[in-house]
Amino acid sequence: MAQTPTSRGREQDRARVAGGQDHEVKYEATKEGVSKDAVKKAVKSAGNSRKKVEAEIGRR
């Protein structure tokens, strides 16, 4: 489904936001039009599911 193999043979899950990965936080912040701090707070409160993070950001 949302998983695609990387060049190292590992699975990559695009349905999740890695709150510790600056590039993923920056991408999500730019996409949603919010600060990186807001994305990190959303990941912390809603979990790392991309849909839940986007819903949490929409509530603020």
PDB file of N, CA and C in Angstrom:
ATOM      1  N   MET A   1       0.827  -1.182   0.000  1.00  0.00           N
ATOM      2  CA  MET A   1       0.000   0.000   0.000  1.00  0.00           C
ATOM      3  C   MET A   1       0.874   1.250   0.000  1.00  0.00           C
ATOM      4  N   ALA A   2       1.085   1.850   1.192  1.00  0.00           N
ATOM      5  CA  ALA A   2       1.844   3.094   1.270  1.00  0.00           C
ATOM      6  C   ALA A   2       3.334   2.827   1.440  1.00  0.00           C
ATOM      7  N   GLN A   3       3.705   1.563   1.522  1.00  0.00           N
ATOM      8  CA  GLN A   3       5.107   1.244   1.743  1.00  0.00           C
ATOM      9  C   GLN A   3       5.801   0.951   0.423  1.00  0.00           C
ATOM     10  N   THR A   4       6.978   1.526   0.275  1.00  0.00           N
ATOM     11  CA  THR A   4       7.778   1.280  -0.916  1.00  0.00           C
ATOM     12  C   THR A   4       9.176   0.909  -0.480  1.00  0.00           C
ATOM     13  N   PRO A   5       9.835  -0.004  -1.171  1.00  0.00           N
ATOM     14  CA  PRO A   5      11.188  -0.374  -0.776  1.00  0.00           C
ATOM     15  C   PRO A   5      12.176   0.740  -1.108  1.00  0.00           C
ATOM     16  N   THR A   6      13.130   0.923  -0.231  1.00  0.00           N
ATOM     17  CA  THR A   6      14.184   1.907  -0.467  1.00  0.00           C
ATOM     18  C   THR A   6      15.356   1.216  -1.144  1.00  0.00           C
ATOM     19  N   SER A   7      16.395   1.965  -1.455  1.00  0.00           N
ATOM     20  CA  SER A   7      17.553   1.378  -2.114  1.00  0.00           C
ATOM     21  C   SER A   7      18.277   0.384  -1.212  1.00  0.00           C
ATOM     22  N   ARG A   8      18.057   0.480   0.082  1.00  0.00           N
ATOM     23  CA  ARG A   8      18.677  -0.458   1.021  1.00  0.00           C
ATOM     24  C   ARG A   8      17.798  -1.679   1.276  1.00  0.00           C
ATOM     25  N   GLY A   9      16.639  -1.722   0.619  1.00  0.00           N
ATOM     26  CA  GLY A   9      15.763  -2.875   0.777  1.00  0.00           C
ATOM     27  C   GLY A   9      14.815  -2.763   1.952  1.00  0.00           C
ATOM     28  N   ARG A  10      14.842  -1.656   2.664  1.00  0.00           N
ATOM     29  CA  ARG A  10      13.951  -1.463   3.799  1.00  0.00           C
ATOM     30  C   ARG A  10      12.645  -0.860   3.318  1.00  0.00           C
ATOM     31  N   GLU A  11      11.622  -1.027   4.114  1.00  0.00           N
ATOM     32  CA  GLU A  11      10.329  -0.449   3.779  1.00  0.00           C
ATOM     33  C   GLU A  11      10.256   0.994   4.283  1.00  0.00           C
ATOM     34  N   GLN A  12       9.662   1.836   3.511  1.00  0.00           N
ATOM     35  CA  GLN A  12       9.480   3.234   3.864  1.00  0.00           C
ATOM     36  C   GLN A  12       7.989   3.481   3.954  1.00  0.00           C
ATOM     37  N   ASP A  13       7.550   4.027   5.056  1.00  0.00           N
ATOM     38  CA  ASP A  13       6.115   4.232   5.246  1.00  0.00           C
ATOM     39  C   ASP A  13       5.785   5.706   5.133  1.00  0.00           C
ATOM     40  N   ARG A  14       5.111   6.071   4.050  1.00  0.00           N
ATOM     41  CA  ARG A  14       4.776   7.472   3.808  1.00  0.00           C
ATOM     42  C   ARG A  14       3.533   7.908   4.574  1.00  0.00           C
ATOM     43  N   ALA A  15       2.893   6.997   5.276  1.00  0.00           N
ATOM     44  CA  ALA A  15       1.700   7.334   6.046  1.00  0.00           C
ATOM     45  C   ALA A  15       2.052   7.833   7.435  1.00  0.00           C
ATOM     46  N   ARG A  16       3.329   7.974   7.724  1.00  0.00           N
ATOM     47  CA  ARG A  16       3.784   8.400   9.049  1.00  0.00           C
ATOM     48  C   ARG A  16       4.679   9.621   8.942  1.00  0.00           C
ATOM     49  N   VAL A  17       4.685  10.423  10.019  1.00  0.00           N
ATOM     50  CA  VAL A  17       5.566  11.581  10.113  1.00  0.00           C
ATOM     51  C   VAL A  17       6.571  11.281  11.214  1.00  0.00           C
ATOM     52  N   ALA A  18       7.844  11.249  10.872  1.00  0.00           N
ATOM     53  CA  ALA A  18       8.889  11.025  11.865  1.00  0.00           C
ATOM     54  C   ALA A  18       9.204  12.370  12.508  1.00  0.00           C
ATOM     55  N   GLY A  19       8.722  12.579  13.735  1.00  0.00           N
ATOM     56  CA  GLY A  19       8.900  13.849  14.423  1.00  0.00           C
ATOM     57  C   GLY A  19      10.344  14.206  14.687  1.00  0.00           C
ATOM     58  N   GLY A  20      11.229  13.224  14.709  1.00  0.00           N
ATOM     59  CA  GLY A  20      12.644  13.476  14.948  1.00  0.00           C
ATOM     60  C   GLY A  20      13.427  13.766  13.679  1.00  0.00           C
ATOM     61  N   GLN A  21      12.804  13.609  12.531  1.00  0.00           N
ATOM     62  CA  GLN A  21      13.471  13.855  11.251  1.00  0.00           C
ATOM     63  C   GLN A  21      13.114  15.261  10.777  1.00  0.00           C
ATOM     64  N   ASP A  22      14.112  16.153  10.804  1.00  0.00           N
ATOM     65  CA  ASP A  22      13.867  17.560  10.489  1.00  0.00           C
ATOM     66  C   ASP A  22      13.275  17.754   9.097  1.00  0.00           C
ATOM     67  N   HIS A  23      13.736  16.969   8.119  1.00  0.00           N
ATOM     68  CA  HIS A  23      13.222  17.150   6.758  1.00  0.00           C
ATOM     69  C   HIS A  23      11.746  16.770   6.652  1.00  0.00           C
ATOM     70  N   GLU A  24      11.315  15.764   7.403  1.00  0.00           N
ATOM     71  CA  GLU A  24       9.900  15.384   7.371  1.00  0.00           C
ATOM     72  C   GLU A  24       9.038  16.422   8.077  1.00  0.00           C
ATOM     73  N   VAL A  25       9.528  16.944   9.188  1.00  0.00           N
ATOM     74  CA  VAL A  25       8.797  17.972   9.922  1.00  0.00           C
ATOM     75  C   VAL A  25       8.689  19.233   9.073  1.00  0.00           C
ATOM     76  N   LYS A  26       9.791  19.602   8.401  1.00  0.00           N
ATOM     77  CA  LYS A  26       9.795  20.795   7.551  1.00  0.00           C
ATOM     78  C   LYS A  26       8.820  20.636   6.384  1.00  0.00           C
ATOM     79  N   TYR A  27       8.805  19.456   5.763  1.00  0.00           N
ATOM     80  CA  TYR A  27       7.892  19.193   4.651  1.00  0.00           C
ATOM     81  C   TYR A  27       6.445  19.346   5.099  1.00  0.00           C
ATOM     82  N   GLU A  28       6.109  18.724   6.212  1.00  0.00           N
ATOM     83  CA  GLU A  28       4.730  18.773   6.707  1.00  0.00           C
ATOM     84  C   GLU A  28       4.349  20.194   7.109  1.00  0.00           C
ATOM     85  N   ALA A  29       5.280  20.930   7.705  1.00  0.00           N
ATOM     86  CA  ALA A  29       5.012  22.313   8.098  1.00  0.00           C
ATOM     87  C   ALA A  29       4.747  23.182   6.875  1.00  0.00           C
ATOM     88  N   THR A  30       5.552  23.024   5.840  1.00  0.00           N
ATOM     89  CA  THR A  30       5.369  23.795   4.613  1.00  0.00           C
ATOM     90  C   THR A  30       4.047  23.424   3.946  1.00  0.00           C
ATOM     91  N   LYS A  31       3.762  22.144   3.901  1.00  0.00           N
ATOM     92  CA  LYS A  31       2.534  21.654   3.270  1.00  0.00           C
ATOM     93  C   LYS A  31       1.285  22.192   3.966  1.00  0.00           C
ATOM     94  N   GLU A  32       1.321  22.239   5.295  1.00  0.00           N
ATOM     95  CA  GLU A  32       0.162  22.675   6.070  1.00  0.00           C
ATOM     96  C   GLU A  32       0.157  24.176   6.352  1.00  0.00           C
ATOM     97  N   GLY A  33       1.266  24.855   6.075  1.00  0.00           N
ATOM     98  CA  GLY A  33       1.334  26.297   6.310  1.00  0.00           C
ATOM     99  C   GLY A  33       1.452  26.670   7.772  1.00  0.00           C
ATOM    100  N   VAL A  34       2.144  25.829   8.546  1.00  0.00           N
ATOM    101  CA  VAL A  34       2.335  26.090   9.972  1.00  0.00           C
ATOM    102  C   VAL A  34       3.828  26.017  10.299  1.00  0.00           C
ATOM    103  N   SER A  35       4.176  26.289  11.548  1.00  0.00           N
ATOM    104  CA  SER A  35       5.578  26.236  11.951  1.00  0.00           C
ATOM    105  C   SER A  35       6.002  24.781  12.213  1.00  0.00           C
ATOM    106  N   LYS A  36       7.317  24.567  12.216  1.00  0.00           N
ATOM    107  CA  LYS A  36       7.839  23.227  12.510  1.00  0.00           C
ATOM    108  C   LYS A  36       7.488  22.831  13.938  1.00  0.00           C
ATOM    109  N   ASP A  37       7.473  23.815  14.834  1.00  0.00           N
ATOM    110  CA  ASP A  37       7.130  23.547  16.229  1.00  0.00           C
ATOM    111  C   ASP A  37       5.690  23.038  16.350  1.00  0.00           C
ATOM    112  N   ALA A  38       4.786  23.604  15.552  1.00  0.00           N
ATOM    113  CA  ALA A  38       3.391  23.163  15.579  1.00  0.00           C
ATOM    114  C   ALA A  38       3.264  21.713  15.114  1.00  0.00           C
ATOM    115  N   VAL A  39       4.058  21.335  14.122  1.00  0.00           N
ATOM    116  CA  VAL A  39       4.033  19.949  13.636  1.00  0.00           C
ATOM    117  C   VAL A  39       4.571  19.015  14.717  1.00  0.00           C
ATOM    118  N   LYS A  40       5.661  19.399  15.364  1.00  0.00           N
ATOM    119  CA  LYS A  40       6.229  18.560  16.427  1.00  0.00           C
ATOM    120  C   LYS A  40       5.246  18.376  17.571  1.00  0.00           C
ATOM    121  N   LYS A  41       4.530  19.435  17.933  1.00  0.00           N
ATOM    122  CA  LYS A  41       3.530  19.329  18.993  1.00  0.00           C
ATOM    123  C   LYS A  41       2.383  18.415  18.568  1.00  0.00           C
ATOM    124  N   ALA A  42       1.985  18.508  17.307  1.00  0.00           N
ATOM    125  CA  ALA A  42       0.907  17.658  16.798  1.00  0.00           C
ATOM    126  C   ALA A  42       1.323  16.192  16.793  1.00  0.00           C
ATOM    127  N   VAL A  43       2.574  15.917  16.420  1.00  0.00           N
ATOM    128  CA  VAL A  43       3.073  14.539  16.426  1.00  0.00           C
ATOM    129  C   VAL A  43       3.096  14.011  17.855  1.00  0.00           C
ATOM    130  N   LYS A  44       3.499  14.858  18.779  1.00  0.00           N
ATOM    131  CA  LYS A  44       3.574  14.436  20.178  1.00  0.00           C
ATOM    132  C   LYS A  44       2.191  14.142  20.760  1.00  0.00           C
ATOM    133  N   SER A  45       1.192  14.941  20.392  1.00  0.00           N
ATOM    134  CA  SER A  45      -0.137  14.747  20.970  1.00  0.00           C
ATOM    135  C   SER A  45      -0.990  13.732  20.214  1.00  0.00           C
ATOM    136  N   ALA A  46      -0.829  13.649  18.885  1.00  0.00           N
ATOM    137  CA  ALA A  46      -1.708  12.785  18.093  1.00  0.00           C
ATOM    138  C   ALA A  46      -1.042  11.486  17.655  1.00  0.00           C
ATOM    139  N   GLY A  47       0.257  11.381  17.807  1.00  0.00           N
ATOM    140  CA  GLY A  47       0.970  10.211  17.306  1.00  0.00           C
ATOM    141  C   GLY A  47       1.578  10.526  15.958  1.00  0.00           C
ATOM    142  N   ASN A  48       2.208   9.549  15.327  1.00  0.00           N
ATOM    143  CA  ASN A  48       2.934   9.839  14.093  1.00  0.00           C
ATOM    144  C   ASN A  48       2.172   9.505  12.814  1.00  0.00           C
ATOM    145  N   SER A  49       0.910   9.184  12.903  1.00  0.00           N
ATOM    146  CA  SER A  49       0.095   8.956  11.711  1.00  0.00           C
ATOM    147  C   SER A  49      -0.099  10.282  10.990  1.00  0.00           C
ATOM    148  N   ARG A  50       0.216  10.319   9.707  1.00  0.00           N
ATOM    149  CA  ARG A  50       0.140  11.569   8.935  1.00  0.00           C
ATOM    150  C   ARG A  50      -1.285  12.143   8.960  1.00  0.00           C
ATOM    151  N   LYS A  51      -2.298  11.286   8.822  1.00  0.00           N
ATOM    152  CA  LYS A  51      -3.690  11.759   8.834  1.00  0.00           C
ATOM    153  C   LYS A  51      -4.050  12.369  10.181  1.00  0.00           C
ATOM    154  N   LYS A  52      -3.618  11.741  11.266  1.00  0.00           N
ATOM    155  CA  LYS A  52      -3.927  12.263  12.601  1.00  0.00           C
ATOM    156  C   LYS A  52      -3.182  13.565  12.859  1.00  0.00           C
ATOM    157  N   VAL A  53      -1.957  13.664  12.392  1.00  0.00           N
ATOM    158  CA  VAL A  53      -1.188  14.898  12.558  1.00  0.00           C
ATOM    159  C   VAL A  53      -1.863  16.032  11.795  1.00  0.00           C
ATOM    160  N   GLU A  54      -2.267  15.775  10.557  1.00  0.00           N
ATOM    161  CA  GLU A  54      -2.945  16.808   9.765  1.00  0.00           C
ATOM    162  C   GLU A  54      -4.267  17.212  10.400  1.00  0.00           C
ATOM    163  N   ALA A  55      -4.989  16.259  10.980  1.00  0.00           N
ATOM    164  CA  ALA A  55      -6.245  16.586  11.656  1.00  0.00           C
ATOM    165  C   ALA A  55      -5.982  17.419  12.908  1.00  0.00           C
ATOM    166  N   GLU A  56      -4.938  17.088  13.627  1.00  0.00           N
ATOM    167  CA  GLU A  56      -4.575  17.841  14.838  1.00  0.00           C
ATOM    168  C   GLU A  56      -4.179  19.264  14.492  1.00  0.00           C
ATOM    169  N   ILE A  57      -3.440  19.441  13.417  1.00  0.00           N
ATOM    170  CA  ILE A  57      -3.036  20.781  12.975  1.00  0.00           C
ATOM    171  C   ILE A  57      -4.266  21.579  12.551  1.00  0.00           C
ATOM    172  N   GLY A  58      -5.222  20.921  11.925  1.00  0.00           N
ATOM    173  CA  GLY A  58      -6.444  21.591  11.482  1.00  0.00           C
ATOM    174  C   GLY A  58      -7.319  22.074  12.625  1.00  0.00           C
ATOM    175  N   ARG A  59      -7.193  21.463  13.786  1.00  0.00           N
ATOM    176  CA  ARG A  59      -7.982  21.844  14.955  1.00  0.00           C
ATOM    177  C   ARG A  59      -7.475  23.129  15.592  1.00  0.00           C
ATOM    178  N   ARG A  60      -6.223  23.452  15.353  1.00  0.00           N
ATOM    179  CA  ARG A  60      -5.614  24.618  16.035  1.00  0.00           C
ATOM    180  C   ARG A  60      -5.918  25.877  15.327  1.00  0.00           C
TER     181      ARG A  60
END
